Amino acid sequence: MGRTIPSWRMAMEEEMKRWKRFQDVPRIEEREIFEDMTDKCRRYASAAGAACFPTKYEPMFLSIIFAHHKALKQLREKIDQLTTSTDSGKQD
């Protein structure tokens, strides 16, 4: 018997094809940002597929939000490190 339900990765790629129409509208430099954002969906596709969401949009958006939150956290940590090293240098 054949498989009747497409895998999460296949469903996600189909949705990405629809999103491609949006990617073609912004300026060229912004298209790269959009492509990077969609790559975040692909990066976390295994986790999204295992989560069994009722719609295909939720895990895609959650993957993007998670990736952005992770990047934001890393930036905060770098800022804290810089702030700490700057503050310790001022104790003269």
C-alpha atoms as a PDB file:
ATOM      1  CA  MET A   1       0.000   0.000   0.000  1.00  0.00           C
ATOM      2  CA  GLY A   2       1.181   3.497  -0.796  1.00  0.00           C
ATOM      3  CA  ARG A   3       1.536   6.297   1.632  1.00  0.00           C
ATOM      4  CA  THR A   4      -1.500   8.600   1.577  1.00  0.00           C
ATOM      5  CA  ILE A   5      -0.312  11.323   3.944  1.00  0.00           C
ATOM      6  CA  PRO A   6       2.665  13.373   2.751  1.00  0.00           C
ATOM      7  CA  SER A   7       5.592  13.683   5.118  1.00  0.00           C
ATOM      8  CA  TRP A   8       5.990  16.923   7.031  1.00  0.00           C
ATOM      9  CA  ARG A   9       9.013  17.851   4.947  1.00  0.00           C
ATOM     10  CA  MET A  10       7.046  17.397   1.714  1.00  0.00           C
ATOM     11  CA  ALA A  11       4.128  19.474   3.030  1.00  0.00           C
ATOM     12  CA  MET A  12       6.539  22.178   4.187  1.00  0.00           C
ATOM     13  CA  GLU A  13       8.264  22.340   0.799  1.00  0.00           C
ATOM     14  CA  GLU A  14       4.886  22.671  -0.922  1.00  0.00           C
ATOM     15  CA  GLU A  15       4.068  25.595   1.336  1.00  0.00           C
ATOM     16  CA  MET A  16       7.495  27.104   0.639  1.00  0.00           C
ATOM     17  CA  LYS A  17       6.617  27.092  -3.068  1.00  0.00           C
ATOM     18  CA  ARG A  18       3.577  29.216  -2.256  1.00  0.00           C
ATOM     19  CA  TRP A  19       5.714  31.534  -0.112  1.00  0.00           C
ATOM     20  CA  LYS A  20       8.108  31.951  -3.048  1.00  0.00           C
ATOM     21  CA  ARG A  21       5.610  34.357  -4.630  1.00  0.00           C
ATOM     22  CA  PHE A  22       6.121  36.664  -1.649  1.00  0.00           C
ATOM     23  CA  GLN A  23       9.902  36.366  -1.907  1.00  0.00           C
ATOM     24  CA  ASP A  24       9.865  37.655  -5.476  1.00  0.00           C
ATOM     25  CA  VAL A  25       8.296  40.995  -4.473  1.00  0.00           C
ATOM     26  CA  PRO A  26      10.772  42.688  -2.050  1.00  0.00           C
ATOM     27  CA  ARG A  27      14.061  44.267  -3.097  1.00  0.00           C
ATOM     28  CA  ILE A  28      16.916  41.952  -4.023  1.00  0.00           C
ATOM     29  CA  GLU A  29      18.783  42.481  -0.734  1.00  0.00           C
ATOM     30  CA  GLU A  30      15.599  41.701   1.198  1.00  0.00           C
ATOM     31  CA  ARG A  31      15.048  38.480  -0.756  1.00  0.00           C
ATOM     32  CA  GLU A  32      18.182  37.038   0.830  1.00  0.00           C
ATOM     33  CA  ILE A  33      16.745  37.787   4.272  1.00  0.00           C
ATOM     34  CA  PHE A  34      13.507  36.040   3.336  1.00  0.00           C
ATOM     35  CA  GLU A  35      15.429  33.031   2.035  1.00  0.00           C
ATOM     36  CA  ASP A  36      17.393  32.861   5.287  1.00  0.00           C
ATOM     37  CA  MET A  37      14.118  32.946   7.205  1.00  0.00           C
ATOM     38  CA  THR A  38      12.680  30.055   5.216  1.00  0.00           C
ATOM     39  CA  ASP A  39      15.887  28.109   5.787  1.00  0.00           C
ATOM     40  CA  LYS A  40      15.062  28.274   9.511  1.00  0.00           C
ATOM     41  CA  CYS A  41      11.931  26.257   8.761  1.00  0.00           C
ATOM     42  CA  ARG A  42      14.009  23.639   7.033  1.00  0.00           C
ATOM     43  CA  ARG A  43      16.565  23.554   9.855  1.00  0.00           C
ATOM     44  CA  TYR A  44      13.915  22.593  12.410  1.00  0.00           C
ATOM     45  CA  ALA A  45      11.819  20.401  10.103  1.00  0.00           C
ATOM     46  CA  SER A  46      12.517  17.249  12.119  1.00  0.00           C
ATOM     47  CA  ALA A  47      11.282  18.841  15.339  1.00  0.00           C
ATOM     48  CA  ALA A  48       8.256  20.310  13.572  1.00  0.00           C
ATOM     49  CA  GLY A  49       7.345  16.979  12.015  1.00  0.00           C
ATOM     50  CA  ALA A  50       7.616  15.176  15.342  1.00  0.00           C
ATOM     51  CA  ALA A  51       5.386  17.727  17.092  1.00  0.00           C
ATOM     52  CA  CYS A  52       2.234  16.758  15.118  1.00  0.00           C
ATOM     53  CA  PHE A  53       0.621  20.179  14.822  1.00  0.00           C
ATOM     54  CA  PRO A  54      -2.905  20.344  13.353  1.00  0.00           C
ATOM     55  CA  THR A  55      -1.829  22.833  10.653  1.00  0.00           C
ATOM     56  CA  LYS A  56       1.342  23.173   8.629  1.00  0.00           C
ATOM     57  CA  TYR A  57       1.695  26.878   9.410  1.00  0.00           C
ATOM     58  CA  GLU A  58       2.138  26.578  13.169  1.00  0.00           C
ATOM     59  CA  PRO A  59       5.373  24.581  13.095  1.00  0.00           C
ATOM     60  CA  MET A  60       6.765  26.748  10.299  1.00  0.00           C
ATOM     61  CA  PHE A  61       6.148  29.948  12.224  1.00  0.00           C
ATOM     62  CA  LEU A  62       7.315  28.365  15.457  1.00  0.00           C
ATOM     63  CA  SER A  63      10.571  27.315  13.769  1.00  0.00           C
ATOM     64  CA  ILE A  64      11.167  30.864  12.561  1.00  0.00           C
ATOM     65  CA  ILE A  65      10.309  32.376  15.950  1.00  0.00           C
ATOM     66  CA  PHE A  66      12.533  29.850  17.720  1.00  0.00           C
ATOM     67  CA  ALA A  67      15.479  30.633  15.433  1.00  0.00           C
ATOM     68  CA  HIS A  68      15.006  34.373  15.979  1.00  0.00           C
ATOM     69  CA  HIS A  69      14.728  33.943  19.730  1.00  0.00           C
ATOM     70  CA  LYS A  70      17.885  31.831  19.736  1.00  0.00           C
ATOM     71  CA  ALA A  71      19.766  34.517  17.775  1.00  0.00           C
ATOM     72  CA  LEU A  72      18.432  37.235  20.068  1.00  0.00           C
ATOM     73  CA  LYS A  73      19.568  35.296  23.134  1.00  0.00           C
ATOM     74  CA  GLN A  74      23.055  34.893  21.666  1.00  0.00           C
ATOM     75  CA  LEU A  75      23.228  38.620  20.926  1.00  0.00           C
ATOM     76  CA  ARG A  76      22.124  39.458  24.476  1.00  0.00           C
ATOM     77  CA  GLU A  77      24.839  37.209  25.871  1.00  0.00           C
ATOM     78  CA  LYS A  78      27.458  38.934  23.706  1.00  0.00           C
ATOM     79  CA  ILE A  79      26.216  42.350  24.802  1.00  0.00           C
ATOM     80  CA  ASP A  80      26.356  41.245  28.437  1.00  0.00           C
ATOM     81  CA  GLN A  81      29.909  39.990  27.954  1.00  0.00           C
ATOM     82  CA  LEU A  82      30.958  43.259  26.348  1.00  0.00           C
ATOM     83  CA  THR A  83      29.223  45.278  29.052  1.00  0.00           C
ATOM     84  CA  THR A  84      30.859  43.214  31.780  1.00  0.00           C
ATOM     85  CA  SER A  85      34.329  43.537  30.256  1.00  0.00           C
ATOM     86  CA  THR A  86      33.842  47.284  29.746  1.00  0.00           C
ATOM     87  CA  ASP A  87      32.599  47.735  33.318  1.00  0.00           C
ATOM     88  CA  SER A  88      35.539  45.817  34.786  1.00  0.00           C
ATOM     89  CA  GLY A  89      37.936  48.038  32.821  1.00  0.00           C
ATOM     90  CA  LYS A  90      36.402  51.199  34.357  1.00  0.00           C
ATOM     91  CA  GLN A  91      37.240  50.209  37.935  1.00  0.00           C
ATOM     92  CA  ASP A  92      40.458  52.272  37.962  1.00  0.00           C
END
